[in-house]
C-alpha atoms as a PDB file:
ATOM      1  CA  MET A   1       6.694 -39.946   2.260  1.00  0.00           C
ATOM      2  CA  GLY A   2       5.210 -42.632   0.115  1.00  0.00           C
ATOM      3  CA  GLU A   3       6.626 -43.299  -3.207  1.00  0.00           C
ATOM      4  CA  LEU A   4       3.210 -42.519  -4.775  1.00  0.00           C
ATOM      5  CA  THR A   5       3.534 -39.025  -3.178  1.00  0.00           C
ATOM      6  CA  LEU A   6       6.993 -38.508  -4.392  1.00  0.00           C
ATOM      7  CA  ARG A   7       5.845 -39.480  -7.928  1.00  0.00           C
ATOM      8  CA  LEU A   8       2.787 -37.319  -8.053  1.00  0.00           C
ATOM      9  CA  ARG A   9       4.860 -34.265  -7.002  1.00  0.00           C
ATOM     10  CA  ALA A  10       7.465 -34.996  -9.618  1.00  0.00           C
ATOM     11  CA  ALA A  11       4.730 -35.275 -12.275  1.00  0.00           C
ATOM     12  CA  GLY A  12       3.265 -32.075 -11.080  1.00  0.00           C
ATOM     13  CA  GLN A  13       6.566 -30.205 -11.896  1.00  0.00           C
ATOM     14  CA  ARG A  14       6.213 -31.149 -15.542  1.00  0.00           C
ATOM     15  CA  PRO A  15       3.855 -28.682 -17.699  1.00  0.00           C
ATOM     16  CA  ALA A  16       2.735 -31.489 -20.017  1.00  0.00           C
ATOM     17  CA  ILE A  17       1.397 -33.627 -17.121  1.00  0.00           C
ATOM     18  CA  GLN A  18      -0.293 -30.589 -15.628  1.00  0.00           C
ATOM     19  CA  GLY A  19      -2.067 -29.847 -18.831  1.00  0.00           C
ATOM     20  CA  GLY A  20      -2.898 -33.664 -19.126  1.00  0.00           C
ATOM     21  CA  PHE A  21      -4.744 -33.554 -15.623  1.00  0.00           C
ATOM     22  CA  MET A  22      -6.596 -30.277 -16.458  1.00  0.00           C
ATOM     23  CA  ALA A  23      -7.701 -31.787 -19.861  1.00  0.00           C
ATOM     24  CA  ALA A  24      -9.010 -35.013 -18.281  1.00  0.00           C
ATOM     25  CA  ALA A  25     -10.699 -32.883 -15.602  1.00  0.00           C
ATOM     26  CA  MET A  26     -12.312 -30.849 -18.302  1.00  0.00           C
ATOM     27  CA  VAL A  27     -13.525 -33.833 -20.280  1.00  0.00           C
ATOM     28  CA  VAL A  28     -14.979 -35.449 -17.106  1.00  0.00           C
ATOM     29  CA  ALA A  29     -16.707 -32.083 -16.023  1.00  0.00           C
ATOM     30  CA  GLY A  30     -18.180 -31.772 -19.501  1.00  0.00           C
ATOM     31  CA  GLY A  31     -19.427 -35.310 -19.397  1.00  0.00           C
ATOM     32  CA  PHE A  32     -21.107 -34.680 -16.229  1.00  0.00           C
ATOM     33  CA  ASP A  33     -22.672 -31.718 -17.526  1.00  0.00           C
ATOM     34  CA  TYR A  34     -24.079 -33.521 -20.681  1.00  0.00           C
ATOM     35  CA  LEU A  35     -25.264 -36.400 -18.107  1.00  0.00           C
ATOM     36  CA  VAL A  36     -27.129 -33.930 -16.091  1.00  0.00           C
ATOM     37  CA  ASN A  37     -28.838 -32.258 -18.994  1.00  0.00           C
ATOM     38  CA  ILE A  38     -29.808 -35.455 -20.445  1.00  0.00           C
ATOM     39  CA  VAL A  39     -31.353 -36.690 -17.039  1.00  0.00           C
ATOM     40  CA  VAL A  40     -33.196 -33.278 -16.201  1.00  0.00           C
ATOM     41  CA  GLY A  41     -34.212 -32.827 -19.956  1.00  0.00           C
ATOM     42  CA  ARG A  42     -35.997 -36.078 -19.660  1.00  0.00           C
ATOM     43  CA  GLN A  43     -37.676 -35.514 -16.327  1.00  0.00           C
ATOM     44  CA  LEU A  44     -38.932 -32.003 -16.871  1.00  0.00           C
ATOM     45  CA  PRO A  45     -41.368 -30.597 -19.317  1.00  0.00           C
ATOM     46  CA  PRO A  46     -39.940 -28.238 -22.030  1.00  0.00           C
ATOM     47  CA  THR A  47     -40.791 -24.896 -20.138  1.00  0.00           C
ATOM     48  CA  GLU A  48     -39.238 -25.917 -16.819  1.00  0.00           C
ATOM     49  CA  PHE A  49     -36.192 -27.398 -18.668  1.00  0.00           C
ATOM     50  CA  PHE A  50     -35.725 -23.938 -20.273  1.00  0.00           C
ATOM     51  CA  ILE A  51     -35.803 -22.449 -16.935  1.00  0.00           C
ATOM     52  CA  PHE A  52     -33.380 -24.909 -15.434  1.00  0.00           C
ATOM     53  CA  VAL A  53     -30.866 -24.326 -18.348  1.00  0.00           C
ATOM     54  CA  THR A  54     -31.246 -20.624 -17.941  1.00  0.00           C
ATOM     55  CA  VAL A  55     -30.512 -20.631 -14.104  1.00  0.00           C
ATOM     56  CA  THR A  56     -27.578 -22.843 -14.557  1.00  0.00           C
ATOM     57  CA  ALA A  57     -26.148 -20.517 -17.449  1.00  0.00           C
ATOM     58  CA  LEU A  58     -26.368 -17.632 -15.322  1.00  0.00           C
ATOM     59  CA  LEU A  59     -24.750 -19.542 -12.333  1.00  0.00           C
ATOM     60  CA  GLN A  60     -21.828 -20.573 -14.810  1.00  0.00           C
ATOM     61  CA  VAL A  61     -21.357 -16.644 -15.701  1.00  0.00           C
ATOM     62  CA  MET A  62     -21.371 -15.917 -12.076  1.00  0.00           C
ATOM     63  CA  VAL A  63     -18.801 -18.470 -11.318  1.00  0.00           C
ATOM     64  CA  GLN A  64     -16.552 -17.259 -14.031  1.00  0.00           C
ATOM     65  CA  VAL A  65     -16.685 -13.702 -12.940  1.00  0.00           C
ATOM     66  CA  THR A  66     -15.550 -14.830  -9.327  1.00  0.00           C
ATOM     67  CA  ASN A  67     -12.859 -17.000 -11.056  1.00  0.00           C
ATOM     68  CA  VAL A  68     -11.368 -13.759 -12.813  1.00  0.00           C
ATOM     69  CA  ILE A  69     -11.593 -11.729  -9.553  1.00  0.00           C
ATOM     70  CA  ARG A  70      -9.729 -14.578  -7.816  1.00  0.00           C
ATOM     71  CA  ASN A  71      -6.999 -15.057 -10.313  1.00  0.00           C
ATOM     72  CA  VAL A  72      -6.341 -11.098 -10.445  1.00  0.00           C
ATOM     73  CA  VAL A  73      -6.165 -11.008  -6.615  1.00  0.00           C
ATOM     74  CA  ALA A  74      -4.035 -14.125  -6.680  1.00  0.00           C
ATOM     75  CA  TYR A  75      -1.757 -12.440  -9.434  1.00  0.00           C
ATOM     76  CA  TYR A  76      -1.072  -9.239  -7.739  1.00  0.00           C
ATOM     77  CA  THR A  77      -0.847 -11.009  -4.242  1.00  0.00           C
ATOM     78  CA  ALA A  78       1.899 -13.340  -5.519  1.00  0.00           C
ATOM     79  CA  ASP A  79       3.672 -10.288  -7.261  1.00  0.00           C
ATOM     80  CA  ALA A  80       3.679  -8.285  -4.029  1.00  0.00           C
ATOM     81  CA  THR A  81       4.980 -10.995  -2.147  1.00  0.00           C
ATOM     82  CA  VAL A  82       7.979 -11.319  -4.617  1.00  0.00           C
ATOM     83  CA  GLY A  83       9.252  -7.982  -3.325  1.00  0.00           C
ATOM     84  CA  ASP A  84      11.667  -5.977  -5.526  1.00  0.00           C
ATOM     85  CA  ASP A  85      11.668  -8.487  -8.184  1.00  0.00           C
ATOM     86  CA  GLY A  86       7.827  -8.043  -8.500  1.00  0.00           C
ATOM     87  CA  HIS A  87       5.870  -5.873 -10.550  1.00  0.00           C
ATOM     88  CA  PRO A  88       6.217  -2.112 -10.596  1.00  0.00           C
ATOM     89  CA  VAL A  89       3.064  -1.212  -9.428  1.00  0.00           C
ATOM     90  CA  CYS A  90       3.224  -3.836  -6.398  1.00  0.00           C
ATOM     91  CA  ARG A  91       6.724  -2.277  -5.582  1.00  0.00           C
ATOM     92  CA  ASP A  92       5.373   1.199  -5.732  1.00  0.00           C
ATOM     93  CA  LEU A  93       2.421   0.363  -3.493  1.00  0.00           C
ATOM     94  CA  GLY A  94       4.567  -1.117  -0.664  1.00  0.00           C
ATOM     95  CA  SER A  95       7.211   1.836  -0.850  1.00  0.00           C
ATOM     96  CA  ARG A  96       5.476   5.111  -1.686  1.00  0.00           C
ATOM     97  CA  GLY A  97       1.772   4.532  -0.964  1.00  0.00           C
ATOM     98  CA  VAL A  98      -1.117   4.358  -3.038  1.00  0.00           C
ATOM     99  CA  ARG A  99      -1.420   8.072  -3.615  1.00  0.00           C
ATOM    100  CA  ARG A 100       1.717   8.417  -5.538  1.00  0.00           C
ATOM    101  CA  VAL A 101       0.975   5.058  -7.590  1.00  0.00           C
ATOM    102  CA  VAL A 102      -2.433   6.161  -8.564  1.00  0.00           C
ATOM    103  CA  MET A 103      -1.219   9.703  -9.439  1.00  0.00           C
ATOM    104  CA  GLY A 104       1.814   8.292 -11.358  1.00  0.00           C
ATOM    105  CA  ARG A 105      -0.366   5.995 -13.542  1.00  0.00           C
ATOM    106  CA  ILE A 106      -2.768   8.776 -14.515  1.00  0.00           C
ATOM    107  CA  GLY A 107       0.239  11.068 -15.439  1.00  0.00           C
ATOM    108  CA  MET A 108      -0.059  13.496 -12.623  1.00  0.00           C
ATOM    109  CA  ARG A 109       3.511  13.212 -11.016  1.00  0.00           C
END
């Protein structure tokens, strides 16, 4: 492996570096969002710009919903792969079946 690859992997192990990358990415994304709004705001009449902003806001809400679903699925998938060290619900799903887990969670054991 190249030296740069090794340095990037080592940097990825430190939470402060990971947070810095995320912060930089968020600043760049926000800058592009601002730039697009300025350019489109200059090109479109006010009513069409309102429609553009409304549609992009709805798309952002839909993206956030899919992000939540993806994160929840990833959490429980990762937890299920851990095995006995994982979350109790995931262990129960693997060993006793879905029916017993659901009944146990609502107090019908």
